Amino acid sequence: MPRPQLADRLEFKTMPQIAEALGMETEKVGRWIKAGLLPPPTVIKENGLRLFDQWWIAAARRALTERQQ
């Protein structure tokens, strides 16, 4: 039996969950990541699923706060 990967053992959020946490639309989060206004996802799975951890959320909130100032 294959061992679980690190990404499978940590708690990650999906793009819709991240968008809700940041109060943004999912598409906008994706555009801002692509434009470099938000950090890249913590993990991108083989199937393209983008996953985000608690440190990403903190970094994104800092980036959004700095952008508003």
PDB file of N, CA and C in Angstrom:
ATOM      1  N   MET A   1       0.849  -1.175   0.000  1.00  0.00           N
ATOM      2  CA  MET A   1       0.000   0.000   0.000  1.00  0.00           C
ATOM      3  C   MET A   1       0.897   1.242   0.000  1.00  0.00           C
ATOM      4  N   PRO A   2       0.643   2.195  -0.912  1.00  0.00           N
ATOM      5  CA  PRO A   2       1.477   3.406  -0.950  1.00  0.00           C
ATOM      6  C   PRO A   2       1.243   4.270   0.287  1.00  0.00           C
ATOM      7  N   ARG A   3       2.323   4.901   0.713  1.00  0.00           N
ATOM      8  CA  ARG A   3       2.236   5.806   1.866  1.00  0.00           C
ATOM      9  C   ARG A   3       1.607   7.123   1.432  1.00  0.00           C
ATOM     10  N   PRO A   4       0.840   7.754   2.321  1.00  0.00           N
ATOM     11  CA  PRO A   4       0.264   9.057   1.963  1.00  0.00           C
ATOM     12  C   PRO A   4       1.370  10.096   1.772  1.00  0.00           C
ATOM     13  N   GLN A   5       1.173  10.969   0.833  1.00  0.00           N
ATOM     14  CA  GLN A   5       2.124  12.043   0.597  1.00  0.00           C
ATOM     15  C   GLN A   5       1.936  13.120   1.652  1.00  0.00           C
ATOM     16  N   LEU A   6       2.973  13.935   1.841  1.00  0.00           N
ATOM     17  CA  LEU A   6       2.924  15.005   2.822  1.00  0.00           C
ATOM     18  C   LEU A   6       1.704  15.893   2.599  1.00  0.00           C
ATOM     19  N   ALA A   7       1.435  16.225   1.340  1.00  0.00           N
ATOM     20  CA  ALA A   7       0.298  17.102   1.023  1.00  0.00           C
ATOM     21  C   ALA A   7      -1.022  16.476   1.456  1.00  0.00           C
ATOM     22  N   ASP A   8      -1.085  15.161   1.499  1.00  0.00           N
ATOM     23  CA  ASP A   8      -2.317  14.493   1.900  1.00  0.00           C
ATOM     24  C   ASP A   8      -2.474  14.451   3.421  1.00  0.00           C
ATOM     25  N   ARG A   9      -1.378  14.655   4.158  1.00  0.00           N
ATOM     26  CA  ARG A   9      -1.430  14.573   5.615  1.00  0.00           C
ATOM     27  C   ARG A   9      -1.605  15.928   6.285  1.00  0.00           C
ATOM     28  N   LEU A  10      -1.353  17.000   5.580  1.00  0.00           N
ATOM     29  CA  LEU A  10      -1.508  18.336   6.130  1.00  0.00           C
ATOM     30  C   LEU A  10      -2.897  18.871   5.782  1.00  0.00           C
ATOM     31  N   GLU A  11      -3.320  19.851   6.527  1.00  0.00           N
ATOM     32  CA  GLU A  11      -4.630  20.431   6.246  1.00  0.00           C
ATOM     33  C   GLU A  11      -4.494  21.546   5.222  1.00  0.00           C
ATOM     34  N   PHE A  12      -5.095  21.340   4.088  1.00  0.00           N
ATOM     35  CA  PHE A  12      -5.070  22.320   3.016  1.00  0.00           C
ATOM     36  C   PHE A  12      -6.480  22.770   2.694  1.00  0.00           C
ATOM     37  N   LYS A  13      -6.570  23.948   2.129  1.00  0.00           N
ATOM     38  CA  LYS A  13      -7.843  24.505   1.667  1.00  0.00           C
ATOM     39  C   LYS A  13      -7.818  24.544   0.137  1.00  0.00           C
ATOM     40  N   THR A  14      -8.994  24.461  -0.450  1.00  0.00           N
ATOM     41  CA  THR A  14      -9.117  24.549  -1.905  1.00  0.00           C
ATOM     42  C   THR A  14      -9.348  26.005  -2.309  1.00  0.00           C
ATOM     43  N   MET A  15      -9.314  26.255  -3.585  1.00  0.00           N
ATOM     44  CA  MET A  15      -9.504  27.617  -4.098  1.00  0.00           C
ATOM     45  C   MET A  15     -10.842  28.227  -3.650  1.00  0.00           C
ATOM     46  N   PRO A  16     -11.969  27.511  -3.748  1.00  0.00           N
ATOM     47  CA  PRO A  16     -13.222  28.124  -3.266  1.00  0.00           C
ATOM     48  C   PRO A  16     -13.186  28.451  -1.769  1.00  0.00           C
ATOM     49  N   GLN A  17     -12.562  27.608  -0.976  1.00  0.00           N
ATOM     50  CA  GLN A  17     -12.454  27.877   0.455  1.00  0.00           C
ATOM     51  C   GLN A  17     -11.579  29.100   0.719  1.00  0.00           C
ATOM     52  N   ILE A  18     -10.510  29.236  -0.046  1.00  0.00           N
ATOM     53  CA  ILE A  18      -9.608  30.385   0.086  1.00  0.00           C
ATOM     54  C   ILE A  18     -10.343  31.663  -0.305  1.00  0.00           C
ATOM     55  N   ALA A  19     -11.059  31.601  -1.411  1.00  0.00           N
ATOM     56  CA  ALA A  19     -11.801  32.777  -1.871  1.00  0.00           C
ATOM     57  C   ALA A  19     -12.788  33.232  -0.804  1.00  0.00           C
ATOM     58  N   GLU A  20     -13.484  32.293  -0.209  1.00  0.00           N
ATOM     59  CA  GLU A  20     -14.442  32.644   0.839  1.00  0.00           C
ATOM     60  C   GLU A  20     -13.724  33.250   2.050  1.00  0.00           C
ATOM     61  N   ALA A  21     -12.595  32.667   2.435  1.00  0.00           N
ATOM     62  CA  ALA A  21     -11.847  33.171   3.587  1.00  0.00           C
ATOM     63  C   ALA A  21     -11.339  34.594   3.353  1.00  0.00           C
ATOM     64  N   LEU A  22     -11.012  34.909   2.107  1.00  0.00           N
ATOM     65  CA  LEU A  22     -10.491  36.238   1.784  1.00  0.00           C
ATOM     66  C   LEU A  22     -11.590  37.224   1.385  1.00  0.00           C
ATOM     67  N   GLY A  23     -12.815  36.723   1.246  1.00  0.00           N
ATOM     68  CA  GLY A  23     -13.911  37.592   0.836  1.00  0.00           C
ATOM     69  C   GLY A  23     -13.817  38.018  -0.620  1.00  0.00           C
ATOM     70  N   MET A  24     -13.293  37.130  -1.452  1.00  0.00           N
ATOM     71  CA  MET A  24     -13.114  37.415  -2.875  1.00  0.00           C
ATOM     72  C   MET A  24     -13.808  36.325  -3.691  1.00  0.00           C
ATOM     73  N   GLU A  25     -14.011  36.588  -4.971  1.00  0.00           N
ATOM     74  CA  GLU A  25     -14.530  35.570  -5.866  1.00  0.00           C
ATOM     75  C   GLU A  25     -13.387  34.653  -6.281  1.00  0.00           C
ATOM     76  N   THR A  26     -13.725  33.390  -6.507  1.00  0.00           N
ATOM     77  CA  THR A  26     -12.718  32.385  -6.866  1.00  0.00           C
ATOM     78  C   THR A  26     -11.913  32.806  -8.092  1.00  0.00           C
ATOM     79  N   GLU A  27     -12.586  33.302  -9.103  1.00  0.00           N
ATOM     80  CA  GLU A  27     -11.898  33.709 -10.338  1.00  0.00           C
ATOM     81  C   GLU A  27     -10.909  34.839 -10.075  1.00  0.00           C
ATOM     82  N   LYS A  28     -11.288  35.758  -9.208  1.00  0.00           N
ATOM     83  CA  LYS A  28     -10.417  36.888  -8.893  1.00  0.00           C
ATOM     84  C   LYS A  28      -9.163  36.415  -8.167  1.00  0.00           C
ATOM     85  N   VAL A  29      -9.309  35.480  -7.241  1.00  0.00           N
ATOM     86  CA  VAL A  29      -8.142  34.930  -6.548  1.00  0.00           C
ATOM     87  C   VAL A  29      -7.195  34.315  -7.575  1.00  0.00           C
ATOM     88  N   GLY A  30      -7.736  33.529  -8.497  1.00  0.00           N
ATOM     89  CA  GLY A  30      -6.912  32.909  -9.535  1.00  0.00           C
ATOM     90  C   GLY A  30      -6.187  33.927 -10.394  1.00  0.00           C
ATOM     91  N   ARG A  31      -6.898  34.999 -10.772  1.00  0.00           N
ATOM     92  CA  ARG A  31      -6.272  36.059 -11.590  1.00  0.00           C
ATOM     93  C   ARG A  31      -5.154  36.749 -10.813  1.00  0.00           C
ATOM     94  N   TRP A  32      -5.391  37.019  -9.528  1.00  0.00           N
ATOM     95  CA  TRP A  32      -4.398  37.716  -8.719  1.00  0.00           C
ATOM     96  C   TRP A  32      -3.173  36.846  -8.475  1.00  0.00           C
ATOM     97  N   ILE A  33      -3.367  35.551  -8.329  1.00  0.00           N
ATOM     98  CA  ILE A  33      -2.217  34.647  -8.194  1.00  0.00           C
ATOM     99  C   ILE A  33      -1.412  34.673  -9.486  1.00  0.00           C
ATOM    100  N   LYS A  34      -2.099  34.556 -10.611  1.00  0.00           N
ATOM    101  CA  LYS A  34      -1.431  34.553 -11.913  1.00  0.00           C
ATOM    102  C   LYS A  34      -0.672  35.860 -12.153  1.00  0.00           C
ATOM    103  N   ALA A  35      -1.230  36.975 -11.684  1.00  0.00           N
ATOM    104  CA  ALA A  35      -0.602  38.286 -11.860  1.00  0.00           C
ATOM    105  C   ALA A  35       0.515  38.549 -10.841  1.00  0.00           C
ATOM    106  N   GLY A  36       0.656  37.654  -9.858  1.00  0.00           N
ATOM    107  CA  GLY A  36       1.693  37.847  -8.854  1.00  0.00           C
ATOM    108  C   GLY A  36       1.280  38.746  -7.701  1.00  0.00           C
ATOM    109  N   LEU A  37       0.000  39.104  -7.626  1.00  0.00           N
ATOM    110  CA  LEU A  37      -0.483  39.954  -6.537  1.00  0.00           C
ATOM    111  C   LEU A  37      -0.719  39.147  -5.261  1.00  0.00           C
ATOM    112  N   LEU A  38      -0.908  37.837  -5.410  1.00  0.00           N
ATOM    113  CA  LEU A  38      -1.001  36.906  -4.289  1.00  0.00           C
ATOM    114  C   LEU A  38       0.043  35.817  -4.506  1.00  0.00           C
ATOM    115  N   PRO A  39       0.512  35.196  -3.426  1.00  0.00           N
ATOM    116  CA  PRO A  39       1.547  34.159  -3.577  1.00  0.00           C
ATOM    117  C   PRO A  39       1.020  32.955  -4.363  1.00  0.00           C
ATOM    118  N   PRO A  40       1.947  32.174  -4.918  1.00  0.00           N
ATOM    119  CA  PRO A  40       1.526  30.956  -5.622  1.00  0.00           C
ATOM    120  C   PRO A  40       0.955  29.939  -4.627  1.00  0.00           C
ATOM    121  N   PRO A  41       0.162  28.991  -5.101  1.00  0.00           N
ATOM    122  CA  PRO A  41      -0.402  27.977  -4.204  1.00  0.00           C
ATOM    123  C   PRO A  41       0.697  27.214  -3.467  1.00  0.00           C
ATOM    124  N   THR A  42       0.364  26.706  -2.303  1.00  0.00           N
ATOM    125  CA  THR A  42       1.312  25.917  -1.527  1.00  0.00           C
ATOM    126  C   THR A  42       1.659  24.635  -2.267  1.00  0.00           C
ATOM    127  N   VAL A  43       0.654  23.985  -2.820  1.00  0.00           N
ATOM    128  CA  VAL A  43       0.829  22.721  -3.534  1.00  0.00           C
ATOM    129  C   VAL A  43      -0.053  22.738  -4.770  1.00  0.00           C
ATOM    130  N   ILE A  44       0.491  22.226  -5.868  1.00  0.00           N
ATOM    131  CA  ILE A  44      -0.327  21.980  -7.048  1.00  0.00           C
ATOM    132  C   ILE A  44      -0.246  20.480  -7.312  1.00  0.00           C
ATOM    133  N   LYS A  45      -1.364  19.798  -7.143  1.00  0.00           N
ATOM    134  CA  LYS A  45      -1.388  18.349  -7.309  1.00  0.00           C
ATOM    135  C   LYS A  45      -1.236  17.993  -8.784  1.00  0.00           C
ATOM    136  N   GLU A  46      -0.950  16.730  -9.037  1.00  0.00           N
ATOM    137  CA  GLU A  46      -0.758  16.249 -10.412  1.00  0.00           C
ATOM    138  C   GLU A  46      -1.959  16.537 -11.306  1.00  0.00           C
ATOM    139  N   ASN A  47      -3.150  16.541 -10.720  1.00  0.00           N
ATOM    140  CA  ASN A  47      -4.358  16.795 -11.506  1.00  0.00           C
ATOM    141  C   ASN A  47      -4.650  18.288 -11.674  1.00  0.00           C
ATOM    142  N   GLY A  48      -3.752  19.153 -11.173  1.00  0.00           N
ATOM    143  CA  GLY A  48      -3.916  20.598 -11.313  1.00  0.00           C
ATOM    144  C   GLY A  48      -4.627  21.270 -10.155  1.00  0.00           C
ATOM    145  N   LEU A  49      -5.108  20.487  -9.197  1.00  0.00           N
ATOM    146  CA  LEU A  49      -5.789  21.052  -8.035  1.00  0.00           C
ATOM    147  C   LEU A  49      -4.806  21.891  -7.224  1.00  0.00           C
ATOM    148  N   ARG A  50      -5.177  23.143  -6.983  1.00  0.00           N
ATOM    149  CA  ARG A  50      -4.333  24.050  -6.203  1.00  0.00           C
ATOM    150  C   ARG A  50      -4.770  24.006  -4.745  1.00  0.00           C
ATOM    151  N   LEU A  51      -3.799  23.812  -3.858  1.00  0.00           N
ATOM    152  CA  LEU A  51      -4.080  23.713  -2.431  1.00  0.00           C
ATOM    153  C   LEU A  51      -3.298  24.779  -1.680  1.00  0.00           C
ATOM    154  N   PHE A  52      -3.876  25.249  -0.578  1.00  0.00           N
ATOM    155  CA  PHE A  52      -3.324  26.363   0.175  1.00  0.00           C
ATOM    156  C   PHE A  52      -3.314  26.014   1.658  1.00  0.00           C
ATOM    157  N   ASP A  53      -2.221  26.373   2.349  1.00  0.00           N
ATOM    158  CA  ASP A  53      -2.142  26.098   3.781  1.00  0.00           C
ATOM    159  C   ASP A  53      -2.338  27.375   4.587  1.00  0.00           C
ATOM    160  N   GLN A  54      -2.263  27.252   5.909  1.00  0.00           N
ATOM    161  CA  GLN A  54      -2.512  28.403   6.779  1.00  0.00           C
ATOM    162  C   GLN A  54      -1.477  29.503   6.588  1.00  0.00           C
ATOM    163  N   TRP A  55      -0.250  29.156   6.243  1.00  0.00           N
ATOM    164  CA  TRP A  55       0.775  30.177   6.021  1.00  0.00           C
ATOM    165  C   TRP A  55       0.483  30.956   4.745  1.00  0.00           C
ATOM    166  N   TRP A  56      -0.065  30.284   3.744  1.00  0.00           N
ATOM    167  CA  TRP A  56      -0.451  30.976   2.515  1.00  0.00           C
ATOM    168  C   TRP A  56      -1.542  31.991   2.820  1.00  0.00           C
ATOM    169  N   ILE A  57      -2.530  31.570   3.611  1.00  0.00           N
ATOM    170  CA  ILE A  57      -3.634  32.472   3.959  1.00  0.00           C
ATOM    171  C   ILE A  57      -3.097  33.717   4.664  1.00  0.00           C
ATOM    172  N   ALA A  58      -2.168  33.531   5.599  1.00  0.00           N
ATOM    173  CA  ALA A  58      -1.585  34.674   6.314  1.00  0.00           C
ATOM    174  C   ALA A  58      -0.828  35.586   5.348  1.00  0.00           C
ATOM    175  N   ALA A  59      -0.053  34.998   4.436  1.00  0.00           N
ATOM    176  CA  ALA A  59       0.701  35.801   3.462  1.00  0.00           C
ATOM    177  C   ALA A  59      -0.245  36.540   2.522  1.00  0.00           C
ATOM    178  N   ALA A  60      -1.323  35.895   2.125  1.00  0.00           N
ATOM    179  CA  ALA A  60      -2.291  36.540   1.232  1.00  0.00           C
ATOM    180  C   ALA A  60      -2.979  37.706   1.934  1.00  0.00           C
ATOM    181  N   ARG A  61      -3.327  37.509   3.179  1.00  0.00           N
ATOM    182  CA  ARG A  61      -3.966  38.607   3.928  1.00  0.00           C
ATOM    183  C   ARG A  61      -3.017  39.792   4.078  1.00  0.00           C
ATOM    184  N   ARG A  62      -1.728  39.520   4.325  1.00  0.00           N
ATOM    185  CA  ARG A  62      -0.738  40.613   4.400  1.00  0.00           C
ATOM    186  C   ARG A  62      -0.651  41.334   3.063  1.00  0.00           C
ATOM    187  N   ALA A  63      -0.612  40.579   1.978  1.00  0.00           N
ATOM    188  CA  ALA A  63      -0.526  41.181   0.641  1.00  0.00           C
ATOM    189  C   ALA A  63      -1.747  42.049   0.361  1.00  0.00           C
ATOM    190  N   LEU A  64      -2.914  41.580   0.742  1.00  0.00           N
ATOM    191  CA  LEU A  64      -4.130  42.364   0.524  1.00  0.00           C
ATOM    192  C   LEU A  64      -4.138  43.628   1.379  1.00  0.00           C
ATOM    193  N   THR A  65      -3.656  43.518   2.617  1.00  0.00           N
ATOM    194  CA  THR A  65      -3.593  44.683   3.500  1.00  0.00           C
ATOM    195  C   THR A  65      -2.620  45.721   2.950  1.00  0.00           C
ATOM    196  N   GLU A  66      -1.461  45.263   2.495  1.00  0.00           N
ATOM    197  CA  GLU A  66      -0.468  46.183   1.920  1.00  0.00           C
ATOM    198  C   GLU A  66      -1.009  46.853   0.663  1.00  0.00           C
ATOM    199  N   ARG A  67      -1.763  46.113  -0.106  1.00  0.00           N
ATOM    200  CA  ARG A  67      -2.327  46.661  -1.348  1.00  0.00           C
ATOM    201  C   ARG A  67      -3.353  47.753  -1.055  1.00  0.00           C
ATOM    202  N   GLN A  68      -4.071  47.650   0.059  1.00  0.00           N
ATOM    203  CA  GLN A  68      -5.089  48.632   0.410  1.00  0.00           C
ATOM    204  C   GLN A  68      -4.490  49.908   0.965  1.00  0.00           C
ATOM    205  N   GLN A  69      -3.265  49.859   1.426  1.00  0.00           N
ATOM    206  CA  GLN A  69      -2.655  51.043   2.045  1.00  0.00           C
ATOM    207  C   GLN A  69      -2.096  51.985   1.017  1.00  0.00           C
TER     208      GLN A  69
END
